[in-house]
């Protein structure tokens, strides 16, 4: 389905049924690999709105898998369900990746421009572009909300996040804040592996010496 048609159908659903929410949570490791959890949901209270959503494929498990599939990602879980308490339909995706910039090769993130660069000093620069979301298709800006939450294995040096909680950064936007596109970015210094304490080597050597002693003793006997 062409992008224009998909966006047009999406705008119809949002304006008829209410807001669309998207939450992306990522744990990113120093080698660029990591895991991602995505949960997006919206109200689909009647058969008509559900039918339109099915045409787009955003709440159809096989279609969702195709959006996130690539040779560099492993889809751990895809689940679609309806919460009867508020009539919201959810799509939940869990996936792992070898390098986060390889997600650029998936259909879902083809416009996300993931960048993962490591300097000779060891400092890592990461960024993700949030493309404009159906602007010009009549979507009420107050009805679209996105959240990006990243946890980094290192010391955060600089960023443009809205919220900070230790090593976890959060970017929280309404459609009006995204405008023509938004880039989230961070620089961090990966944690170094701690040096193995000397007493570990001493203890290992002592245990090995004892084992060798008893082996020779047993051989003599």
Protein backbone atom coordinates (compact mmCIF):
# COMPACT_ATOMS: atom_id res chain seq x y z
CA UNK A 1 0.00 0.00 0.00
CA UNK A 2 1.39 3.40 -0.99
CA UNK A 3 2.49 5.72 1.82
CA UNK A 4 0.02 8.47 0.85
CA UNK A 5 -2.91 6.04 1.05
CA UNK A 6 -1.72 4.62 4.36
CA UNK A 7 -1.37 8.07 5.89
CA UNK A 8 -4.77 9.15 4.58
CA UNK A 9 -6.45 6.10 6.12
CA UNK A 10 -4.55 6.66 9.37
CA UNK A 11 -5.74 10.27 9.55
CA UNK A 12 -9.33 9.12 9.04
CA UNK A 13 -9.07 6.64 11.91
CA UNK A 14 -7.49 9.16 14.29
CA UNK A 15 -10.06 11.86 13.59
CA UNK A 16 -12.95 9.41 13.96
CA UNK A 17 -11.80 7.34 16.91
CA UNK A 18 -9.45 9.50 18.96
CA UNK A 19 -5.75 9.65 19.75
CA UNK A 20 -2.92 7.38 18.65
CA UNK A 21 -0.14 6.75 21.16
CA UNK A 22 3.29 5.29 20.45
CA UNK A 23 5.89 4.26 23.05
CA UNK A 24 9.33 2.95 22.09
CA UNK A 25 11.67 1.67 24.81
CA UNK A 26 15.24 0.66 24.00
CA UNK A 27 18.22 -0.71 25.91
CA UNK A 28 21.29 0.15 23.84
CA UNK A 29 24.66 -1.53 24.42
CA UNK A 30 28.13 -0.08 23.62
CA UNK A 31 28.56 -2.32 20.54
CA UNK A 32 25.35 -0.96 19.01
CA UNK A 33 23.25 -4.03 19.75
CA UNK A 34 20.21 -3.95 21.97
CA UNK A 35 16.59 -4.74 22.59
CA UNK A 36 13.46 -2.75 21.78
CA UNK A 37 9.92 -2.80 23.12
CA UNK A 38 7.18 -0.97 21.21
CA UNK A 39 3.59 -0.45 22.29
CA UNK A 40 1.19 1.63 20.22
CA UNK A 41 -2.54 1.89 20.72
CA UNK A 42 -5.70 3.74 19.78
CA UNK A 43 -9.44 3.51 20.29
CA UNK A 44 -11.30 1.37 17.76
CA UNK A 45 -14.79 1.30 19.28
CA UNK A 46 -16.76 0.08 16.26
CA UNK A 47 -16.55 -2.31 13.33
CA UNK A 48 -16.05 0.49 10.80
CA UNK A 49 -12.93 1.89 12.47
CA UNK A 50 -11.53 -1.61 12.93
CA UNK A 51 -12.08 -2.32 9.25
CA UNK A 52 -10.11 0.76 8.23
CA UNK A 53 -7.30 -0.19 10.65
CA UNK A 54 -7.17 -3.67 9.11
CA UNK A 55 -6.69 -2.17 5.66
CA UNK A 56 -3.62 -0.32 6.89
CA UNK A 57 -2.35 -3.43 8.70
CA UNK A 58 -1.15 -1.63 11.84
CA UNK A 59 -3.08 -4.03 14.08
CA UNK A 60 -2.64 -7.22 12.08
CA UNK A 61 0.16 -9.43 13.51
CA UNK A 62 1.56 -10.68 10.18
CA UNK A 63 1.62 -7.15 8.74
CA UNK A 64 3.33 -5.84 11.87
CA UNK A 65 6.03 -8.54 11.61
CA UNK A 66 6.74 -7.57 8.01
CA UNK A 67 7.17 -3.92 9.01
CA UNK A 68 9.93 -4.76 11.50
CA UNK A 69 11.55 -7.75 9.79
CA UNK A 70 15.10 -7.70 8.40
CA UNK A 71 18.22 -9.88 8.29
CA UNK A 72 19.61 -7.90 11.24
CA UNK A 73 16.65 -8.01 13.59
CA UNK A 74 15.05 -10.80 15.55
CA UNK A 75 11.39 -10.37 16.35
CA UNK A 76 10.86 -11.93 19.76
CA UNK A 77 7.15 -11.23 20.10
CA UNK A 78 4.21 -9.59 18.33
CA UNK A 79 0.92 -9.31 20.15
CA UNK A 80 -2.30 -7.51 19.27
CA UNK A 81 -5.04 -7.21 21.86
CA UNK A 82 -8.01 -5.08 22.89
CA UNK A 83 -8.29 -3.58 26.35
CA UNK A 84 -11.96 -3.83 27.24
CA UNK A 85 -11.65 -1.26 30.02
CA UNK A 86 -11.06 1.64 27.60
CA UNK A 87 -11.79 0.14 24.16
CA UNK A 88 -8.18 0.62 23.03
CA UNK A 89 -6.51 -1.76 20.61
CA UNK A 90 -2.79 -2.36 21.22
CA UNK A 91 0.06 -3.70 19.13
CA UNK A 92 3.08 -4.81 21.14
CA UNK A 93 6.40 -5.67 19.50
CA UNK A 94 9.56 -6.99 21.16
CA UNK A 95 12.69 -7.31 19.05
CA UNK A 96 16.47 -7.47 19.31
CA UNK A 97 19.05 -6.12 16.87
CA UNK A 98 22.76 -6.53 16.09
CA UNK A 99 23.29 -2.82 15.48
CA UNK A 100 20.68 -0.16 15.95
CA UNK A 101 21.51 1.56 12.67
CA UNK A 102 20.57 -1.69 10.90
CA UNK A 103 16.96 -0.84 11.77
CA UNK A 104 17.13 1.64 8.89
CA UNK A 105 16.69 -1.42 6.65
CA UNK A 106 13.26 -2.24 8.06
CA UNK A 107 10.08 -0.83 6.54
CA UNK A 108 8.89 0.56 9.87
CA UNK A 109 12.07 2.61 10.41
CA UNK A 110 13.01 3.40 6.81
CA UNK A 111 12.76 7.15 7.53
CA UNK A 112 14.21 7.09 11.04
CA UNK A 113 17.87 7.67 10.09
CA UNK A 114 19.42 5.82 13.02
CA UNK A 115 23.05 6.86 13.53
CA UNK A 116 25.53 5.06 15.78
CA UNK A 117 29.11 6.33 15.59
CA UNK A 118 32.05 5.66 17.88
CA UNK A 119 35.01 8.05 18.08
CA UNK A 120 38.60 6.94 18.57
CA UNK A 121 38.29 8.36 22.10
CA UNK A 122 35.55 5.81 22.79
CA UNK A 123 32.72 8.34 22.93
CA UNK A 124 29.58 7.16 21.14
CA UNK A 125 27.16 9.45 19.31
CA UNK A 126 23.62 8.21 18.75
CA UNK A 127 20.65 9.80 17.04
CA UNK A 128 17.24 8.90 15.62
CA UNK A 129 15.10 11.05 13.36
CA UNK A 130 11.37 11.25 14.07
CA UNK A 131 9.76 11.97 10.70
CA UNK A 132 6.74 14.26 10.32
CA UNK A 133 3.66 12.16 11.00
CA UNK A 134 0.90 12.62 8.44
CA UNK A 135 1.12 16.40 8.50
CA UNK A 136 -1.23 17.87 5.94
CA UNK A 137 -3.73 15.01 6.26
CA UNK A 138 -6.00 16.80 8.69
CA UNK A 139 -4.90 15.02 11.86
CA UNK A 140 -5.78 16.88 15.02
CA UNK A 141 -2.37 17.57 16.57
CA UNK A 142 -3.62 17.01 20.11
CA UNK A 143 -4.56 13.42 19.23
CA UNK A 144 -1.13 12.06 18.50
CA UNK A 145 1.48 11.36 21.16
CA UNK A 146 4.89 9.63 20.98
CA UNK A 147 7.40 8.64 23.65
CA UNK A 148 10.96 7.42 23.11
CA UNK A 149 12.82 5.99 26.09
CA UNK A 150 16.47 4.91 25.86
CA UNK A 151 18.73 3.34 28.48
CA UNK A 152 22.47 3.57 27.78
CA UNK A 153 25.36 1.49 29.18
CA UNK A 154 27.61 4.40 29.91
CA UNK A 155 28.01 7.93 31.22
CA UNK A 156 25.74 10.43 29.48
CA UNK A 157 27.77 13.40 28.22
CA UNK A 158 25.13 15.46 26.41
CA UNK A 159 21.61 14.98 25.06
CA UNK A 160 18.42 16.78 24.05
CA UNK A 161 15.97 14.60 26.01
CA UNK A 162 12.95 15.95 27.90
CA UNK A 163 13.53 13.83 30.99
CA UNK A 164 16.50 12.14 32.64
CA UNK A 165 16.41 9.30 35.15
CA UNK A 166 19.92 7.98 35.75
CA UNK A 167 21.07 6.37 32.49
CA UNK A 168 17.55 6.45 31.00
CA UNK A 169 16.58 9.36 28.76
CA UNK A 170 13.02 10.10 27.63
CA UNK A 171 11.78 12.13 24.69
CA UNK A 172 8.06 12.95 24.85
CA UNK A 173 6.32 14.74 21.96
CA UNK A 174 2.90 15.75 20.73
CA UNK A 175 2.44 16.02 16.98
CA UNK A 176 2.67 19.82 17.12
CA UNK A 177 6.14 19.51 18.65
CA UNK A 178 7.36 17.14 15.93
CA UNK A 179 6.42 19.51 13.14
CA UNK A 180 8.53 18.82 10.06
CA UNK A 181 10.63 16.27 11.94
CA UNK A 182 12.60 15.94 15.15
CA UNK A 183 16.02 14.43 15.89
CA UNK A 184 16.73 12.87 19.26
CA UNK A 185 20.42 12.67 20.07
CA UNK A 186 22.82 11.68 22.82
CA UNK A 187 26.56 11.26 23.35
CA UNK A 188 27.84 8.86 25.98
CA UNK A 189 31.02 7.23 27.16
CA UNK A 190 30.60 3.44 27.55
CA UNK A 191 31.40 1.93 30.89
CA UNK A 192 34.77 0.20 30.94
CA UNK A 193 34.98 -3.38 32.10
CA UNK A 194 36.31 -3.41 35.63
CA UNK A 195 39.77 -4.83 36.07
CA UNK A 196 39.75 -8.25 37.68
CA UNK A 197 41.05 -7.87 41.26
CA UNK A 198 44.47 -9.41 41.96
CA UNK A 199 43.04 -11.57 44.74
CA UNK A 200 40.96 -13.43 42.15
CA UNK A 201 44.13 -14.51 40.33
CA UNK A 202 45.81 -15.44 43.64
CA UNK A 203 42.84 -17.51 44.74
CA UNK A 204 42.61 -19.24 41.35
CA UNK A 205 46.32 -20.05 41.47
CA UNK A 206 46.06 -21.43 45.00
CA UNK A 207 43.12 -23.68 44.08
CA UNK A 208 44.95 -24.91 40.99
CA UNK A 209 48.08 -25.69 43.04
CA UNK A 210 46.03 -27.72 45.55
CA UNK A 211 44.34 -29.68 42.75
CA UNK A 212 47.69 -30.47 41.12
CA UNK A 213 49.18 -31.50 44.49
CA UNK A 214 46.40 -34.02 45.18
CA UNK A 215 46.51 -35.37 41.62
CA UNK A 216 50.25 -36.13 41.93
CA UNK A 217 49.75 -37.58 45.39
CA UNK A 218 47.02 -39.87 44.14
CA UNK A 219 49.23 -40.95 41.24
CA UNK A 220 52.05 -41.93 43.60
CA UNK A 221 49.71 -43.95 45.77
